N, C-alpha and C. Protein backbone atom coordinates (compact mmCIF):
# COMPACT_ATOMS: atom_id res chain seq x y z
N MET A 1 62.80 -9.81 150.81
CA MET A 1 63.29 -9.02 149.69
C MET A 1 63.77 -7.29 150.43
N GLU A 2 62.99 -6.76 151.68
CA GLU A 2 63.09 -5.53 152.32
C GLU A 2 64.59 -6.03 152.59
N LYS A 3 65.03 -6.98 153.36
CA LYS A 3 66.41 -7.11 154.11
C LYS A 3 67.51 -7.25 153.09
N LYS A 4 67.07 -7.59 151.67
CA LYS A 4 67.88 -7.44 150.76
C LYS A 4 68.54 -6.08 150.35
N ILE A 5 67.52 -5.41 150.24
CA ILE A 5 67.75 -3.70 150.09
C ILE A 5 68.70 -3.13 151.09
N LYS A 6 68.48 -3.43 152.30
CA LYS A 6 68.82 -2.99 153.56
C LYS A 6 70.28 -3.55 153.59
N LYS A 7 70.65 -4.50 153.28
CA LYS A 7 72.08 -5.07 153.05
C LYS A 7 72.66 -4.50 152.13
N SER A 8 72.14 -4.38 150.83
CA SER A 8 72.91 -3.67 149.54
C SER A 8 73.18 -1.87 149.99
N GLU A 9 71.97 -1.20 151.10
CA GLU A 9 72.07 0.12 151.51
C GLU A 9 73.56 0.46 152.49
N ALA A 10 74.02 -0.91 153.13
CA ALA A 10 74.95 -0.60 154.00
C ALA A 10 75.84 0.05 153.56
N LEU A 11 76.24 0.87 154.47
CA LEU A 11 77.89 1.55 154.02
C LEU A 11 79.22 0.94 154.88
N SER A 12 80.03 0.46 153.91
CA SER A 12 81.05 -0.18 154.55
C SER A 12 81.93 1.18 155.30
N GLU A 13 82.92 0.29 155.90
CA GLU A 13 83.47 1.14 156.86
C GLU A 13 84.46 2.60 156.55
N GLN A 14 85.06 2.54 155.17
CA GLN A 14 85.48 3.57 154.51
C GLN A 14 84.51 4.96 154.28
N ASP A 15 83.28 4.17 153.51
CA ASP A 15 82.09 5.26 153.62
C ASP A 15 81.88 5.88 154.69
N ILE A 16 81.73 5.08 155.82
CA ILE A 16 81.19 5.70 157.00
C ILE A 16 82.35 6.92 157.50
N GLU A 17 83.49 6.11 157.52
CA GLU A 17 84.48 7.41 157.55
C GLU A 17 84.41 8.63 156.72
N ARG A 18 84.35 8.25 155.23
CA ARG A 18 84.24 9.44 154.52
C ARG A 18 83.09 10.56 154.86
N MET A 19 82.19 9.67 155.14
CA MET A 19 80.60 10.88 155.49
C MET A 19 81.27 11.48 156.98
N GLU A 20 81.60 10.76 157.40
CA GLU A 20 82.13 11.60 158.85
C GLU A 20 83.12 12.63 158.53
N LEU A 21 83.75 12.70 158.09
CA LEU A 21 84.65 13.37 157.22
C LEU A 21 84.05 14.94 156.79
N LEU A 22 82.84 14.13 155.97
CA LEU A 22 82.37 15.67 155.48
C LEU A 22 81.46 16.38 156.57
N ARG A 23 80.94 15.31 157.49
CA ARG A 23 79.96 15.92 158.27
C ARG A 23 80.78 17.40 158.96
N LYS A 24 82.03 16.60 159.49
CA LYS A 24 82.87 17.27 160.34
C LYS A 24 83.21 18.93 159.45
N ALA A 25 83.36 18.46 158.43
CA ALA A 25 83.90 19.65 157.52
C ALA A 25 82.71 20.82 157.41
N ASN A 26 81.46 20.22 157.26
CA ASN A 26 80.66 21.39 157.71
C ASN A 26 80.14 21.86 158.92
N ASP A 27 80.84 20.66 159.73
CA ASP A 27 80.17 21.59 161.21
C ASP A 27 80.30 22.68 161.25
N LYS A 28 81.81 23.22 160.99
CA LYS A 28 82.11 24.38 161.87
C LYS A 28 82.50 25.45 160.48
N VAL A 29 82.06 26.40 160.37
CA VAL A 29 82.28 27.26 159.45
C VAL A 29 83.39 28.08 159.79
N GLY A 30 84.42 28.26 158.97
CA GLY A 30 85.51 29.06 158.65
C GLY A 30 86.83 28.16 159.08
N LYS A 31 86.56 26.85 159.29
CA LYS A 31 87.22 25.72 159.71
C LYS A 31 87.56 24.77 158.30
N GLN A 32 88.75 24.18 158.49
CA GLN A 32 88.93 23.34 157.21
C GLN A 32 89.98 22.03 158.38
N LEU A 33 89.72 20.96 157.37
CA LEU A 33 90.33 19.65 158.13
C LEU A 33 91.43 19.85 157.21
N THR A 34 92.13 18.99 157.74
CA THR A 34 93.55 18.59 156.82
C THR A 34 94.46 17.43 157.69
N ILE A 35 95.37 16.87 157.03
CA ILE A 35 95.59 15.76 157.64
C ILE A 35 97.13 16.46 158.07
N GLY A 36 97.51 16.04 159.08
CA GLY A 36 98.48 16.41 159.93
C GLY A 36 100.16 15.70 158.91
N SER A 37 100.91 16.46 158.80
CA SER A 37 102.19 15.68 157.79
C SER A 37 102.99 14.99 158.84
N GLU A 38 103.00 14.94 160.04
CA GLU A 38 103.76 14.34 160.90
C GLU A 38 103.25 13.40 161.46
N THR A 39 102.17 13.54 162.01
CA THR A 39 101.07 12.43 163.02
C THR A 39 100.29 11.72 161.82
N GLY A 40 99.61 12.23 160.78
CA GLY A 40 98.69 11.48 159.99
C GLY A 40 97.38 11.71 160.52
N SER A 41 97.19 12.33 161.69
CA SER A 41 95.85 12.37 162.22
C SER A 41 94.93 13.69 161.53
N ILE A 42 93.78 13.67 161.93
CA ILE A 42 93.23 15.09 161.19
C ILE A 42 93.17 16.01 162.00
N GLU A 43 93.27 17.44 161.47
CA GLU A 43 93.83 18.54 162.54
C GLU A 43 92.80 19.65 161.82
N GLU A 44 92.57 20.71 162.57
CA GLU A 44 91.44 21.56 161.91
C GLU A 44 92.01 23.16 161.90
N ILE A 45 91.99 23.36 160.87
CA ILE A 45 92.60 24.82 160.97
C ILE A 45 91.20 25.86 160.54
N ASP A 46 91.70 26.94 161.58
CA ASP A 46 90.79 27.82 161.61
C ASP A 46 91.42 29.12 160.61
N GLU A 47 90.71 29.08 159.41
CA GLU A 47 91.12 30.03 158.17
C GLU A 47 90.73 31.37 158.57
N ILE A 48 89.72 31.71 159.17
CA ILE A 48 89.33 33.29 159.22
C ILE A 48 90.09 33.97 160.28
N ARG A 49 90.72 32.79 161.65
CA ARG A 49 91.85 33.48 162.55
C ARG A 49 92.66 33.95 162.07
N GLU A 50 93.43 32.78 161.24
CA GLU A 50 94.86 33.02 160.59
C GLU A 50 94.75 34.36 159.35
N ILE A 51 93.64 34.41 158.71
CA ILE A 51 93.44 35.82 157.95
C ILE A 51 93.36 37.16 159.04
N ILE A 52 92.39 36.85 159.80
CA ILE A 52 92.19 38.04 160.64
C ILE A 52 93.65 38.85 161.16
N GLY A 53 94.29 37.43 161.34
CA GLY A 53 95.64 38.21 162.07
C GLY A 53 96.62 38.37 161.28
N LYS A 54 96.59 38.38 160.28
CA LYS A 54 97.58 39.32 159.27
C LYS A 54 97.25 40.44 159.48
N ASP A 55 98.47 40.93 159.24
CA ASP A 55 98.24 42.49 159.41
C ASP A 55 98.36 43.01 157.57
N PHE A 56 97.54 43.17 157.24
CA PHE A 56 97.49 43.74 155.29
C PHE A 56 97.39 45.05 155.44
N GLU A 57 96.87 46.05 156.36
CA GLU A 57 97.22 47.24 156.63
C GLU A 57 97.53 47.69 157.93
N ASN A 58 98.59 48.40 158.21
CA ASN A 58 99.41 48.81 159.53
C ASN A 58 98.89 50.26 159.56
N PRO A 59 97.81 50.70 160.66
CA PRO A 59 97.13 51.77 160.58
C PRO A 59 98.56 52.83 161.10
N GLU A 60 99.58 52.79 162.09
CA GLU A 60 100.50 53.48 162.25
C GLU A 60 101.53 53.74 161.53
N GLU A 61 101.83 53.02 160.37
CA GLU A 61 102.53 53.05 159.14
C GLU A 61 101.75 53.93 158.31
N LYS A 62 100.39 53.80 157.86
CA LYS A 62 99.52 54.31 156.86
C LYS A 62 99.81 55.93 157.36
N TYR A 63 99.26 56.26 158.62
CA TYR A 63 99.27 57.51 159.41
C TYR A 63 100.82 58.16 158.89
N ASN A 64 102.05 57.44 159.24
CA ASN A 64 103.13 57.96 158.91
C ASN A 64 103.59 58.38 157.11
N VAL A 65 103.14 57.39 156.56
CA VAL A 65 103.40 57.59 155.16
C VAL A 65 102.32 58.81 154.74
N TYR A 66 101.40 58.69 155.06
CA TYR A 66 100.16 60.05 154.76
C TYR A 66 100.66 61.22 155.44
N TYR A 67 100.75 61.34 156.60
CA TYR A 67 101.12 62.92 157.14
C TYR A 67 102.65 63.07 157.39
N VAL A 68 103.62 62.16 157.80
CA VAL A 68 105.07 62.52 157.55
C VAL A 68 105.52 62.44 156.57
N GLY A 69 105.02 62.12 155.54
CA GLY A 69 105.60 61.54 154.10
C GLY A 69 105.03 62.60 153.20
N ILE A 70 103.83 62.01 152.42
CA ILE A 70 102.99 62.33 151.49
C ILE A 70 102.74 64.22 151.62
N ARG A 71 101.68 64.18 153.02
CA ARG A 71 101.34 65.36 153.09
C ARG A 71 102.53 66.62 153.44
N ARG A 72 103.18 66.17 154.11
CA ARG A 72 104.11 66.88 154.99
C ARG A 72 105.26 67.41 153.94
N LEU A 73 105.81 66.46 152.78
CA LEU A 73 106.64 67.18 151.84
C LEU A 73 105.80 67.89 150.77
N LEU A 74 104.66 67.44 150.31
CA LEU A 74 103.91 68.51 149.17
C LEU A 74 103.91 69.83 150.12
N MET A 75 103.37 70.04 151.40
CA MET A 75 103.37 71.06 152.27
C MET A 75 104.67 71.84 152.08
N GLN A 76 105.70 71.33 152.26
CA GLN A 76 107.12 71.93 152.22
C GLN A 76 107.72 72.26 150.90
N TYR A 77 107.56 71.65 149.71
CA TYR A 77 108.00 71.59 148.58
C TYR A 77 107.08 72.51 147.42
N LEU A 78 105.69 72.32 147.73
CA LEU A 78 105.41 73.04 146.45
C LEU A 78 104.86 74.53 147.05
N PRO A 79 104.98 75.34 146.23
CA PRO A 79 105.05 76.57 146.02
C PRO A 79 104.05 77.25 147.23
N LYS A 80 104.29 78.00 147.97
CA LYS A 80 103.57 78.69 149.15
C LYS A 80 102.78 80.05 148.59
N GLY A 81 102.00 80.45 149.00
CA GLY A 81 101.15 81.87 148.97
C GLY A 81 99.88 81.82 148.33
N LYS A 82 99.08 82.97 148.61
CA LYS A 82 97.69 82.60 147.89
C LYS A 82 97.65 82.59 146.36
N ASP A 83 98.65 83.16 145.75
CA ASP A 83 98.91 83.36 144.50
C ASP A 83 99.09 81.71 143.53
N PHE A 84 99.58 80.79 144.49
CA PHE A 84 99.62 79.52 143.88
C PHE A 84 98.74 78.46 144.65
N LYS A 85 97.27 79.01 145.05
CA LYS A 85 96.49 77.97 146.08
C LYS A 85 96.19 77.50 144.65
N GLU A 86 95.66 77.75 144.06
CA GLU A 86 94.63 77.02 142.76
C GLU A 86 95.62 75.93 142.01
N MET A 87 96.95 76.34 142.05
CA MET A 87 97.74 75.00 141.39
C MET A 87 98.03 73.92 142.68
N ARG A 88 98.43 74.53 143.57
CA ARG A 88 98.34 73.36 144.41
C ARG A 88 97.22 72.17 144.85
N ASP A 89 95.92 73.05 144.62
CA ASP A 89 94.52 72.63 144.73
C ASP A 89 94.47 71.36 143.76
N ILE A 90 95.07 71.87 142.53
CA ILE A 90 94.96 70.76 141.34
C ILE A 90 95.86 69.63 141.41
N ILE A 91 96.70 69.91 142.06
CA ILE A 91 97.72 68.78 142.35
C ILE A 91 97.41 68.07 143.66
N TYR A 92 96.70 68.52 144.38
CA TYR A 92 96.42 67.97 145.70
C TYR A 92 94.96 66.84 145.08
N ASP A 93 94.42 67.50 143.85
CA ASP A 93 93.29 66.86 143.31
C ASP A 93 93.66 65.70 142.83
N GLU A 94 94.91 65.58 141.82
CA GLU A 94 95.24 64.58 141.12
C GLU A 94 95.72 63.47 141.92
N LYS A 95 96.24 63.91 143.35
CA LYS A 95 96.96 62.70 144.73
C LYS A 95 95.58 62.07 144.66
N ASN A 96 94.86 62.88 145.26
CA ASN A 96 93.48 62.42 145.66
C ASN A 96 92.55 61.59 144.89
N ILE A 97 92.75 61.90 143.87
CA ILE A 97 92.30 60.84 142.85
C ILE A 97 92.53 59.65 142.66
N PHE A 98 94.03 59.31 142.85
CA PHE A 98 94.88 58.25 142.87
C PHE A 98 94.62 57.64 144.13
N LEU A 99 94.78 57.86 145.36
CA LEU A 99 94.47 57.28 146.56
C LEU A 99 93.31 56.90 147.13
N ASN A 100 92.11 57.66 146.05
CA ASN A 100 90.65 56.99 146.15
C ASN A 100 90.02 56.36 145.04
N ALA A 101 91.34 55.65 144.22
CA ALA A 101 90.99 54.78 143.55
C ALA A 101 90.13 55.20 142.54
N GLY A 102 90.10 56.65 141.79
CA GLY A 102 89.63 57.03 140.85
C GLY A 102 88.58 57.98 141.35
N LYS A 103 88.16 58.15 142.53
CA LYS A 103 86.51 58.99 143.04
C LYS A 103 87.05 60.55 142.62
N LYS A 104 86.14 61.11 142.08
CA LYS A 104 86.39 62.53 141.92
C LYS A 104 85.60 63.35 142.12
N LYS A 105 85.70 64.51 143.06
CA LYS A 105 84.84 65.40 143.47
C LYS A 105 83.75 65.71 142.50
N SER A 106 84.07 65.92 141.20
CA SER A 106 82.91 66.21 140.13
C SER A 106 82.15 65.38 139.55
N ASP A 107 82.46 64.14 140.11
CA ASP A 107 81.34 63.13 140.04
C ASP A 107 80.16 62.96 141.00
N ASN A 108 80.63 64.07 142.00
CA ASN A 108 79.39 64.42 143.12
C ASN A 108 79.00 65.30 143.66
N ASN A 109 78.93 66.33 142.33
CA ASN A 109 78.71 67.95 143.06
C ASN A 109 79.50 68.32 144.11
N GLY A 110 81.14 67.67 143.91
CA GLY A 110 81.70 68.71 144.63
C GLY A 110 82.22 67.57 145.99
N ILE A 111 81.59 66.57 146.29
CA ILE A 111 81.93 65.64 147.24
C ILE A 111 82.57 64.75 146.54
N ARG A 112 83.81 64.24 146.96
CA ARG A 112 84.57 63.03 146.83
C ARG A 112 83.85 61.56 147.26
N LYS A 113 83.39 61.53 148.30
CA LYS A 113 82.45 60.34 148.97
C LYS A 113 84.00 59.36 149.25
N SER A 114 85.08 59.72 149.64
CA SER A 114 85.95 58.92 150.03
C SER A 114 87.13 59.82 150.79
N ASP A 115 88.05 58.89 151.17
CA ASP A 115 88.97 59.86 151.86
C ASP A 115 90.35 59.20 151.76
N GLY A 116 91.30 59.88 150.91
CA GLY A 116 92.66 59.53 150.75
C GLY A 116 93.69 58.89 151.93
N ARG A 117 93.14 59.57 153.28
CA ARG A 117 93.94 59.05 154.41
C ARG A 117 93.66 57.77 154.47
N MET A 118 92.52 57.24 153.97
CA MET A 118 92.23 55.66 154.62
C MET A 118 92.94 54.80 153.03
N SER A 119 93.37 55.12 152.35
CA SER A 119 93.62 54.59 151.23
C SER A 119 94.24 53.57 151.36
N TYR A 120 94.60 52.48 150.63
CA TYR A 120 95.25 51.38 150.11
C TYR A 120 96.87 51.67 150.76
N GLN A 121 97.28 50.93 151.56
CA GLN A 121 98.62 51.44 152.03
C GLN A 121 99.66 51.20 150.90
N SER A 122 99.50 50.25 149.93
CA SER A 122 100.29 50.19 148.63
C SER A 122 99.82 51.30 147.89
N TYR A 123 98.76 52.12 147.58
CA TYR A 123 98.54 53.35 146.83
C TYR A 123 99.47 54.34 147.59
N MET A 124 99.20 54.52 148.95
CA MET A 124 100.31 55.52 149.37
C MET A 124 101.80 55.92 149.35
N ASN A 125 102.11 53.94 149.18
CA ASN A 125 103.54 53.82 149.12
C ASN A 125 104.00 54.63 147.80
N GLU A 126 103.13 54.22 146.84
CA GLU A 126 103.55 54.56 145.35
C GLU A 126 103.40 56.03 145.22
N ILE A 127 102.36 56.60 145.66
CA ILE A 127 102.30 58.14 145.87
C ILE A 127 103.57 58.94 146.49
N LEU A 128 103.79 58.20 147.48
CA LEU A 128 105.12 58.54 148.54
C LEU A 128 106.73 58.43 147.63
N ASP A 129 106.63 57.30 146.73
CA ASP A 129 107.96 57.15 146.03
C ASP A 129 107.68 58.12 144.80
N ILE A 130 106.79 58.67 144.12
CA ILE A 130 106.68 59.50 143.23
C ILE A 130 107.16 60.68 144.12
N ILE A 131 106.76 61.15 145.22
CA ILE A 131 106.76 62.50 145.69
C ILE A 131 108.32 62.51 146.16
N VAL A 132 108.90 61.62 146.98
CA VAL A 132 110.01 61.67 147.08
C VAL A 132 111.11 61.85 145.70
N ALA A 133 110.75 60.94 144.69
CA ALA A 133 111.55 61.26 143.68
C ALA A 133 111.84 62.66 143.18
N TRP A 134 110.52 62.98 143.22
CA TRP A 134 109.99 64.60 142.71
C TRP A 134 110.97 65.60 143.85
N VAL A 135 110.82 65.20 144.79
CA VAL A 135 111.92 66.22 145.79
C VAL A 135 113.10 65.93 145.84
N GLY A 136 113.74 64.84 145.07
CA GLY A 136 115.24 64.52 144.81
C GLY A 136 115.63 65.12 143.86
N GLY A 137 114.49 65.13 142.80
CA GLY A 137 114.70 65.76 141.41
C GLY A 137 114.65 67.09 141.22
N SER A 138 114.03 67.24 140.34
CA SER A 138 113.61 68.69 139.93
C SER A 138 112.67 69.69 140.92
N GLN A 139 112.07 69.38 141.66
CA GLN A 139 110.96 70.16 142.68
C GLN A 139 110.18 71.02 141.66
N ASN A 140 110.04 70.62 140.41
CA ASN A 140 109.22 71.49 139.60
C ASN A 140 107.33 71.42 139.79
N ALA A 141 106.43 72.02 140.12
CA ALA A 141 105.31 71.58 140.73
C ALA A 141 104.78 71.05 139.72
N PHE A 142 105.21 71.85 138.19
CA PHE A 142 104.21 71.71 136.94
C PHE A 142 104.74 69.95 136.51
N GLN A 143 106.08 69.57 136.88
CA GLN A 143 106.15 68.03 136.44
C GLN A 143 105.67 67.15 137.34
N LEU A 144 105.48 67.52 139.07
CA LEU A 144 104.63 66.72 139.61
C LEU A 144 103.64 66.45 139.47
N TYR A 145 102.89 67.60 138.92
CA TYR A 145 101.45 67.72 138.30
C TYR A 145 101.37 66.40 137.15
N LYS A 146 102.27 66.59 136.19
CA LYS A 146 102.67 65.90 134.83
C LYS A 146 102.72 64.43 135.31
N LEU A 147 103.17 63.77 136.65
CA LEU A 147 103.80 62.54 136.88
C LEU A 147 102.46 62.33 137.45
N LEU A 148 101.61 62.74 138.61
CA LEU A 148 100.43 62.59 139.08
C LEU A 148 99.43 62.33 138.19
N TYR A 149 99.53 63.19 136.87
CA TYR A 149 98.47 63.01 135.93
C TYR A 149 98.51 61.67 134.88
N ASP A 150 99.46 61.45 134.91
CA ASP A 150 100.32 60.45 134.12
C ASP A 150 99.68 59.07 134.91
N LEU A 151 99.89 58.73 136.22
CA LEU A 151 99.53 57.67 137.30
C LEU A 151 98.40 57.62 137.13
N ASN A 152 97.44 58.92 137.07
CA ASN A 152 96.00 58.38 136.84
C ASN A 152 95.60 57.94 135.26
N ASP A 153 96.39 58.39 134.64
CA ASP A 153 95.85 58.00 133.10
C ASP A 153 96.21 56.35 133.21
N LYS A 154 97.50 55.95 133.83
CA LYS A 154 97.67 54.57 133.83
C LYS A 154 96.91 53.80 134.37
N HIS A 155 96.07 54.15 135.61
CA HIS A 155 95.20 53.33 136.31
C HIS A 155 93.40 53.31 135.55
N SER A 156 93.67 54.35 134.65
CA SER A 156 92.34 54.74 134.05
C SER A 156 91.13 55.55 135.20
N TYR A 157 91.76 56.13 136.02
CA TYR A 157 91.26 57.03 137.12
C TYR A 157 90.61 58.34 136.53
N GLY A 158 91.02 58.72 135.17
CA GLY A 158 90.68 59.90 134.91
C GLY A 158 91.05 60.81 135.58
N HIS A 159 90.44 62.61 135.29
CA HIS A 159 90.93 63.56 136.08
C HIS A 159 89.63 64.72 136.41
N GLU A 160 90.20 65.59 137.65
CA GLU A 160 88.58 66.44 137.64
C GLU A 160 88.28 67.14 136.48
N ASN A 161 86.83 67.28 136.50
CA ASN A 161 85.91 68.03 135.59
C ASN A 161 85.91 69.49 136.29
N TYR A 162 87.05 70.28 135.67
CA TYR A 162 87.26 71.55 136.42
C TYR A 162 86.26 72.25 135.61
N GLY A 163 86.12 73.78 136.20
CA GLY A 163 85.64 74.76 135.24
C GLY A 163 86.39 75.47 134.30
N GLU A 164 85.76 76.33 133.74
CA GLU A 164 86.58 76.87 132.42
C GLU A 164 87.97 77.64 133.06
N THR A 165 87.89 78.43 134.21
CA THR A 165 89.04 79.22 134.67
C THR A 165 90.53 78.11 135.37
N THR A 166 89.94 76.87 136.01
CA THR A 166 90.58 75.98 136.72
C THR A 166 91.47 75.23 135.17
N LEU A 167 90.41 74.64 134.43
CA LEU A 167 90.60 73.77 133.52
C LEU A 167 91.95 74.51 132.64
N SER A 168 91.89 75.73 132.37
CA SER A 168 92.80 76.87 131.71
C SER A 168 94.29 76.58 132.58
N ILE A 169 94.33 76.73 133.61
CA ILE A 169 95.31 76.08 134.60
C ILE A 169 95.97 75.16 134.64
N SER A 170 94.99 74.24 134.43
CA SER A 170 95.36 72.74 134.37
C SER A 170 96.22 72.51 133.13
N LYS A 171 95.60 72.86 131.87
CA LYS A 171 96.24 73.04 130.57
C LYS A 171 97.89 73.63 130.85
N ALA A 172 97.56 74.82 131.37
CA ALA A 172 99.12 75.56 130.94
C ALA A 172 99.87 74.84 132.08
N MET A 173 99.57 74.05 133.19
CA MET A 173 100.64 73.42 133.70
C MET A 173 101.21 72.14 133.30
N MET A 174 100.24 71.66 132.49
CA MET A 174 100.62 70.47 131.30
C MET A 174 101.83 70.73 130.62
N THR A 175 101.34 71.80 129.72
CA THR A 175 102.23 72.27 129.08
C THR A 175 103.88 72.84 129.73
N LEU A 176 103.68 73.86 130.63
CA LEU A 176 104.72 74.24 131.44
C LEU A 176 105.80 72.88 131.91
N SER A 177 104.75 71.57 132.31
CA SER A 177 105.73 70.21 132.75
C SER A 177 106.64 69.74 131.60
N GLU A 178 106.32 70.28 130.29
CA GLU A 178 107.09 69.46 129.31
C GLU A 178 108.61 70.33 128.94
N GLN A 179 108.32 71.64 129.55
CA GLN A 179 109.66 72.43 129.17
C GLN A 179 110.53 72.47 129.96
């Protein structure tokens, strides 16, 4: 009776081939087996190497977008001087909230715990597009504030929780942007 059980447990050639494929698939983490379209043979695809090889974020491009684009344009076209510092800071805060995916200084006692210069390239490009359109258009700082404010609302990021004096300036800027 024992011999009959062994015979029924014996695997067919196809079963052995399937088991071998399963074993190979589990041998190497990050690699996948595929059947070559031209040859019909089994080939390995190293998925991890393919993913790492792609440029999702280009450091040089990010540098240029942030420093040569965003920062430079804001410094060049926002009102200069000590009298406008608080207004510039409020605009920078709105920009940084977006670049940092909603992280605010007011959430952590004045520390954002994130750096807009390290933001996703797509976020930087979106801010740059807004700033370039603003520079080509009105160049009214209040309107730029409104554009950035609305961008953060659109993504449900919220806004800084300012003290009373800065809050009043923020409200005034919003009102002036509509005029």
